[in-house]
Amino acid sequence: MFFYKITFEDNEIKEGTTKFPQNILTELIGKFKRIKAFECYKEELIIKKAEQKELKNERRTVKKRAK
């Protein structure tokens, strides 16, 4: 499963999940809005990033308590 995030020129954001990210790209080619950014992540990568962010937040909390 893939997670995707599309940002259009007018800053509208579309997010979702798909098994076939290439289908989203072919669907978007027919759209009239201009795409500013397209991000696509494999499920495991998202989980790893979330875990790293949690660790960062825990470290910050510990530092604040130490002061």
PDB file of N, CA and C in Angstrom:
ATOM      1  N   MET A   1       0.844  -1.190   0.000  1.00  0.00           N
ATOM      2  CA  MET A   1       0.000   0.000   0.000  1.00  0.00           C
ATOM      3  C   MET A   1       0.883   1.244   0.000  1.00  0.00           C
ATOM      4  N   PHE A   2       0.485   2.231  -0.781  1.00  0.00           N
ATOM      5  CA  PHE A   2       1.223   3.488  -0.885  1.00  0.00           C
ATOM      6  C   PHE A   2       0.358   4.639  -0.374  1.00  0.00           C
ATOM      7  N   PHE A   3       0.990   5.577   0.276  1.00  0.00           N
ATOM      8  CA  PHE A   3       0.329   6.814   0.668  1.00  0.00           C
ATOM      9  C   PHE A   3       0.767   7.878  -0.322  1.00  0.00           C
ATOM     10  N   TYR A   4      -0.148   8.742  -0.731  1.00  0.00           N
ATOM     11  CA  TYR A   4       0.254   9.812  -1.639  1.00  0.00           C
ATOM     12  C   TYR A   4      -0.287  11.155  -1.163  1.00  0.00           C
ATOM     13  N   LYS A   5       0.419  12.209  -1.542  1.00  0.00           N
ATOM     14  CA  LYS A   5       0.020  13.576  -1.216  1.00  0.00           C
ATOM     15  C   LYS A   5       0.332  14.433  -2.434  1.00  0.00           C
ATOM     16  N   ILE A   6      -0.686  15.109  -2.953  1.00  0.00           N
ATOM     17  CA  ILE A   6      -0.521  15.955  -4.127  1.00  0.00           C
ATOM     18  C   ILE A   6      -0.817  17.393  -3.718  1.00  0.00           C
ATOM     19  N   THR A   7       0.078  18.301  -4.068  1.00  0.00           N
ATOM     20  CA  THR A   7      -0.143  19.723  -3.811  1.00  0.00           C
ATOM     21  C   THR A   7      -0.293  20.417  -5.159  1.00  0.00           C
ATOM     22  N   PHE A   8      -1.416  21.112  -5.333  1.00  0.00           N
ATOM     23  CA  PHE A   8      -1.671  21.837  -6.572  1.00  0.00           C
ATOM     24  C   PHE A   8      -1.175  23.271  -6.446  1.00  0.00           C
ATOM     25  N   GLU A   9      -1.094  23.984  -7.576  1.00  0.00           N
ATOM     26  CA  GLU A   9      -0.610  25.369  -7.580  1.00  0.00           C
ATOM     27  C   GLU A   9      -1.439  26.283  -6.692  1.00  0.00           C
ATOM     28  N   ASP A  10      -2.745  26.014  -6.583  1.00  0.00           N
ATOM     29  CA  ASP A  10      -3.599  26.853  -5.734  1.00  0.00           C
ATOM     30  C   ASP A  10      -3.567  26.391  -4.270  1.00  0.00           C
ATOM     31  N   ASN A  11      -2.549  25.594  -3.925  1.00  0.00           N
ATOM     32  CA  ASN A  11      -2.289  25.076  -2.572  1.00  0.00           C
ATOM     33  C   ASN A  11      -3.348  24.106  -2.054  1.00  0.00           C
ATOM     34  N   GLU A  12      -4.207  23.600  -2.935  1.00  0.00           N
ATOM     35  CA  GLU A  12      -5.141  22.549  -2.549  1.00  0.00           C
ATOM     36  C   GLU A  12      -4.334  21.265  -2.394  1.00  0.00           C
ATOM     37  N   ILE A  13      -4.634  20.502  -1.344  1.00  0.00           N
ATOM     38  CA  ILE A  13      -3.888  19.267  -1.087  1.00  0.00           C
ATOM     39  C   ILE A  13      -4.847  18.086  -1.154  1.00  0.00           C
ATOM     40  N   LYS A  14      -4.423  17.051  -1.852  1.00  0.00           N
ATOM     41  CA  LYS A  14      -5.214  15.822  -1.953  1.00  0.00           C
ATOM     42  C   LYS A  14      -4.347  14.690  -1.418  1.00  0.00           C
ATOM     43  N   GLU A  15      -4.880  13.913  -0.465  1.00  0.00           N
ATOM     44  CA  GLU A  15      -4.127  12.805   0.128  1.00  0.00           C
ATOM     45  C   GLU A  15      -4.959  11.537   0.052  1.00  0.00           C
ATOM     46  N   GLY A  16      -4.278  10.394   0.070  1.00  0.00           N
ATOM     47  CA  GLY A  16      -4.985   9.132   0.052  1.00  0.00           C
ATOM     48  C   GLY A  16      -4.041   7.949   0.018  1.00  0.00           C
ATOM     49  N   THR A  17      -4.615   6.766  -0.174  1.00  0.00           N
ATOM     50  CA  THR A  17      -3.810   5.551  -0.273  1.00  0.00           C
ATOM     51  C   THR A  17      -4.187   4.821  -1.558  1.00  0.00           C
ATOM     52  N   THR A  18      -3.244   4.062  -2.082  1.00  0.00           N
ATOM     53  CA  THR A  18      -3.487   3.304  -3.311  1.00  0.00           C
ATOM     54  C   THR A  18      -2.517   2.133  -3.393  1.00  0.00           C
ATOM     55  N   LYS A  19      -2.906   1.137  -4.161  1.00  0.00           N
ATOM     56  CA  LYS A  19      -1.989   0.021  -4.415  1.00  0.00           C
ATOM     57  C   LYS A  19      -1.129   0.314  -5.637  1.00  0.00           C
ATOM     58  N   PHE A  20      -1.638   1.181  -6.526  1.00  0.00           N
ATOM     59  CA  PHE A  20      -0.944   1.467  -7.779  1.00  0.00           C
ATOM     60  C   PHE A  20      -0.759   2.972  -7.963  1.00  0.00           C
ATOM     61  N   PRO A  21       0.366   3.538  -7.500  1.00  0.00           N
ATOM     62  CA  PRO A  21       0.560   4.989  -7.593  1.00  0.00           C
ATOM     63  C   PRO A  21       0.595   5.518  -9.024  1.00  0.00           C
ATOM     64  N   GLN A  22       0.989   4.691  -9.986  1.00  0.00           N
ATOM     65  CA  GLN A  22       1.036   5.155 -11.372  1.00  0.00           C
ATOM     66  C   GLN A  22      -0.364   5.486 -11.888  1.00  0.00           C
ATOM     67  N   ASN A  23      -1.402   4.834 -11.349  1.00  0.00           N
ATOM     68  CA  ASN A  23      -2.773   5.132 -11.766  1.00  0.00           C
ATOM     69  C   ASN A  23      -3.162   6.560 -11.399  1.00  0.00           C
ATOM     70  N   ILE A  24      -2.691   7.033 -10.255  1.00  0.00           N
ATOM     71  CA  ILE A  24      -2.995   8.394  -9.820  1.00  0.00           C
ATOM     72  C   ILE A  24      -2.371   9.388 -10.782  1.00  0.00           C
ATOM     73  N   LEU A  25      -1.131   9.131 -11.166  1.00  0.00           N
ATOM     74  CA  LEU A  25      -0.442  10.041 -12.084  1.00  0.00           C
ATOM     75  C   LEU A  25      -1.152  10.111 -13.432  1.00  0.00           C
ATOM     76  N   THR A  26      -1.583   8.971 -13.965  1.00  0.00           N
ATOM     77  CA  THR A  26      -2.272   8.988 -15.260  1.00  0.00           C
ATOM     78  C   THR A  26      -3.621   9.698 -15.131  1.00  0.00           C
ATOM     79  N   GLU A  27      -4.274   9.555 -13.986  1.00  0.00           N
ATOM     80  CA  GLU A  27      -5.548  10.236 -13.746  1.00  0.00           C
ATOM     81  C   GLU A  27      -5.333  11.756 -13.693  1.00  0.00           C
ATOM     82  N   LEU A  28      -4.222  12.179 -13.108  1.00  0.00           N
ATOM     83  CA  LEU A  28      -3.943  13.608 -12.951  1.00  0.00           C
ATOM     84  C   LEU A  28      -3.538  14.299 -14.248  1.00  0.00           C
ATOM     85  N   ILE A  29      -3.030  13.521 -15.212  1.00  0.00           N
ATOM     86  CA  ILE A  29      -2.600  14.116 -16.478  1.00  0.00           C
ATOM     87  C   ILE A  29      -3.784  14.810 -17.162  1.00  0.00           C
ATOM     88  N   GLY A  30      -4.970  14.256 -17.001  1.00  0.00           N
ATOM     89  CA  GLY A  30      -6.163  14.842 -17.610  1.00  0.00           C
ATOM     90  C   GLY A  30      -6.718  16.045 -16.861  1.00  0.00           C
ATOM     91  N   LYS A  31      -6.226  16.330 -15.677  1.00  0.00           N
ATOM     92  CA  LYS A  31      -6.729  17.455 -14.876  1.00  0.00           C
ATOM     93  C   LYS A  31      -6.183  18.775 -15.422  1.00  0.00           C
ATOM     94  N   PHE A  32      -6.917  19.849 -15.163  1.00  0.00           N
ATOM     95  CA  PHE A  32      -6.490  21.159 -15.657  1.00  0.00           C
ATOM     96  C   PHE A  32      -5.643  21.911 -14.642  1.00  0.00           C
ATOM     97  N   LYS A  33      -5.717  21.516 -13.363  1.00  0.00           N
ATOM     98  CA  LYS A  33      -4.912  22.186 -12.338  1.00  0.00           C
ATOM     99  C   LYS A  33      -3.453  21.807 -12.510  1.00  0.00           C
ATOM    100  N   ARG A  34      -2.585  22.728 -12.186  1.00  0.00           N
ATOM    101  CA  ARG A  34      -1.155  22.445 -12.290  1.00  0.00           C
ATOM    102  C   ARG A  34      -0.671  21.895 -10.963  1.00  0.00           C
ATOM    103  N   ILE A  35       0.126  20.864 -11.040  1.00  0.00           N
ATOM    104  CA  ILE A  35       0.626  20.197  -9.840  1.00  0.00           C
ATOM    105  C   ILE A  35       1.935  20.846  -9.405  1.00  0.00           C
ATOM    106  N   LYS A  36       1.997  21.216  -8.133  1.00  0.00           N
ATOM    107  CA  LYS A  36       3.214  21.815  -7.589  1.00  0.00           C
ATOM    108  C   LYS A  36       4.121  20.723  -7.022  1.00  0.00           C
ATOM    109  N   ALA A  37       3.529  19.733  -6.347  1.00  0.00           N
ATOM    110  CA  ALA A  37       4.336  18.661  -5.749  1.00  0.00           C
ATOM    111  C   ALA A  37       3.529  17.368  -5.700  1.00  0.00           C
ATOM    112  N   PHE A  38       4.229  16.253  -5.887  1.00  0.00           N
ATOM    113  CA  PHE A  38       3.609  14.935  -5.768  1.00  0.00           C
ATOM    114  C   PHE A  38       4.518  14.081  -4.907  1.00  0.00           C
ATOM    115  N   GLU A  39       3.992  13.588  -3.794  1.00  0.00           N
ATOM    116  CA  GLU A  39       4.780  12.749  -2.898  1.00  0.00           C
ATOM    117  C   GLU A  39       4.093  11.396  -2.788  1.00  0.00           C
ATOM    118  N   CYS A  40       4.890  10.349  -2.777  1.00  0.00           N
ATOM    119  CA  CYS A  40       4.345   9.007  -2.646  1.00  0.00           C
ATOM    120  C   CYS A  40       5.285   8.187  -1.771  1.00  0.00           C
ATOM    121  N   TYR A  41       4.740   7.558  -0.747  1.00  0.00           N
ATOM    122  CA  TYR A  41       5.559   6.806   0.199  1.00  0.00           C
ATOM    123  C   TYR A  41       5.032   5.390   0.344  1.00  0.00           C
ATOM    124  N   LYS A  42       5.940   4.466   0.520  1.00  0.00           N
ATOM    125  CA  LYS A  42       5.568   3.097   0.847  1.00  0.00           C
ATOM    126  C   LYS A  42       5.167   3.090   2.319  1.00  0.00           C
ATOM    127  N   GLU A  43       4.250   2.250   2.698  1.00  0.00           N
ATOM    128  CA  GLU A  43       3.686   2.232   4.048  1.00  0.00           C
ATOM    129  C   GLU A  43       4.755   2.139   5.138  1.00  0.00           C
ATOM    130  N   GLU A  44       5.770   1.290   4.940  1.00  0.00           N
ATOM    131  CA  GLU A  44       6.799   1.089   5.964  1.00  0.00           C
ATOM    132  C   GLU A  44       7.583   2.375   6.219  1.00  0.00           C
ATOM    133  N   LEU A  45       7.820   3.153   5.166  1.00  0.00           N
ATOM    134  CA  LEU A  45       8.578   4.400   5.284  1.00  0.00           C
ATOM    135  C   LEU A  45       7.828   5.394   6.175  1.00  0.00           C
ATOM    136  N   ILE A  46       6.528   5.470   6.006  1.00  0.00           N
ATOM    137  CA  ILE A  46       5.707   6.376   6.821  1.00  0.00           C
ATOM    138  C   ILE A  46       5.818   5.981   8.290  1.00  0.00           C
ATOM    139  N   ILE A  47       5.740   4.688   8.565  1.00  0.00           N
ATOM    140  CA  ILE A  47       5.804   4.206   9.944  1.00  0.00           C
ATOM    141  C   ILE A  47       7.154   4.553  10.554  1.00  0.00           C
ATOM    142  N   LYS A  48       8.234   4.354   9.800  1.00  0.00           N
ATOM    143  CA  LYS A  48       9.573   4.680  10.301  1.00  0.00           C
ATOM    144  C   LYS A  48       9.693   6.166  10.601  1.00  0.00           C
ATOM    145  N   LYS A  49       9.174   7.010   9.702  1.00  0.00           N
ATOM    146  CA  LYS A  49       9.235   8.460   9.907  1.00  0.00           C
ATOM    147  C   LYS A  49       8.452   8.852  11.157  1.00  0.00           C
ATOM    148  N   ALA A  50       7.305   8.239  11.360  1.00  0.00           N
ATOM    149  CA  ALA A  50       6.485   8.543  12.532  1.00  0.00           C
ATOM    150  C   ALA A  50       7.219   8.147  13.810  1.00  0.00           C
ATOM    151  N   GLU A  51       7.881   6.987  13.780  1.00  0.00           N
ATOM    152  CA  GLU A  51       8.637   6.541  14.951  1.00  0.00           C
ATOM    153  C   GLU A  51       9.790   7.496  15.242  1.00  0.00           C
ATOM    154  N   GLN A  52      10.479   7.962  14.203  1.00  0.00           N
ATOM    155  CA  GLN A  52      11.580   8.908  14.387  1.00  0.00           C
ATOM    156  C   GLN A  52      11.066  10.209  14.989  1.00  0.00           C
ATOM    157  N   LYS A  53       9.911  10.658  14.532  1.00  0.00           N
ATOM    158  CA  LYS A  53       9.334  11.903  15.040  1.00  0.00           C
ATOM    159  C   LYS A  53       8.976  11.745  16.520  1.00  0.00           C
ATOM    160  N   GLU A  54       8.426  10.593  16.888  1.00  0.00           N
ATOM    161  CA  GLU A  54       8.090  10.333  18.289  1.00  0.00           C
ATOM    162  C   GLU A  54       9.342  10.367  19.149  1.00  0.00           C
ATOM    163  N   LEU A  55      10.429   9.764  18.655  1.00  0.00           N
ATOM    164  CA  LEU A  55      11.689   9.775  19.398  1.00  0.00           C
ATOM    165  C   LEU A  55      12.185  11.199  19.600  1.00  0.00           C
ATOM    166  N   LYS A  56      12.102  12.003  18.550  1.00  0.00           N
ATOM    167  CA  LYS A  56      12.522  13.401  18.635  1.00  0.00           C
ATOM    168  C   LYS A  56      11.714  14.134  19.703  1.00  0.00           C
ATOM    169  N   ASN A  57      10.395  13.929  19.677  1.00  0.00           N
ATOM    170  CA  ASN A  57       9.517  14.585  20.645  1.00  0.00           C
ATOM    171  C   ASN A  57       9.834  14.138  22.065  1.00  0.00           C
ATOM    172  N   GLU A  58      10.134  12.847  22.240  1.00  0.00           N
ATOM    173  CA  GLU A  58      10.489  12.332  23.566  1.00  0.00           C
ATOM    174  C   GLU A  58      11.781  12.975  24.054  1.00  0.00           C
ATOM    175  N   ARG A  59      12.757  13.124  23.165  1.00  0.00           N
ATOM    176  CA  ARG A  59      14.033  13.745  23.540  1.00  0.00           C
ATOM    177  C   ARG A  59      13.820  15.188  23.972  1.00  0.00           C
ATOM    178  N   ARG A  60      12.979  15.910  23.233  1.00  0.00           N
ATOM    179  CA  ARG A  60      12.686  17.308  23.581  1.00  0.00           C
ATOM    180  C   ARG A  60      12.046  17.398  24.958  1.00  0.00           C
ATOM    181  N   THR A  61      11.111  16.498  25.229  1.00  0.00           N
ATOM    182  CA  THR A  61      10.422  16.492  26.517  1.00  0.00           C
ATOM    183  C   THR A  61      11.413  16.244  27.641  1.00  0.00           C
ATOM    184  N   VAL A  62      12.327  15.297  27.435  1.00  0.00           N
ATOM    185  CA  VAL A  62      13.335  14.975  28.450  1.00  0.00           C
ATOM    186  C   VAL A  62      14.234  16.180  28.695  1.00  0.00           C
ATOM    187  N   LYS A  63      14.644  16.859  27.619  1.00  0.00           N
ATOM    188  CA  LYS A  63      15.501  18.042  27.757  1.00  0.00           C
ATOM    189  C   LYS A  63      14.787  19.135  28.542  1.00  0.00           C
ATOM    190  N   LYS A  64      13.504  19.345  28.260  1.00  0.00           N
ATOM    191  CA  LYS A  64      12.734  20.378  28.959  1.00  0.00           C
ATOM    192  C   LYS A  64      12.618  20.047  30.441  1.00  0.00           C
ATOM    193  N   ARG A  65      12.415  18.785  30.752  1.00  0.00           N
ATOM    194  CA  ARG A  65      12.296  18.370  32.158  1.00  0.00           C
ATOM    195  C   ARG A  65      13.617  18.545  32.889  1.00  0.00           C
ATOM    196  N   ALA A  66      14.722  18.334  32.169  1.00  0.00           N
ATOM    197  CA  ALA A  66      16.049  18.436  32.786  1.00  0.00           C
ATOM    198  C   ALA A  66      16.348  19.875  33.211  1.00  0.00           C
ATOM    199  N   LYS A  67      15.792  20.836  32.500  1.00  0.00           N
ATOM    200  CA  LYS A  67      16.032  22.248  32.835  1.00  0.00           C
ATOM    201  C   LYS A  67      15.319  22.559  34.083  1.00  0.00           C
TER     202      LYS A  67
END
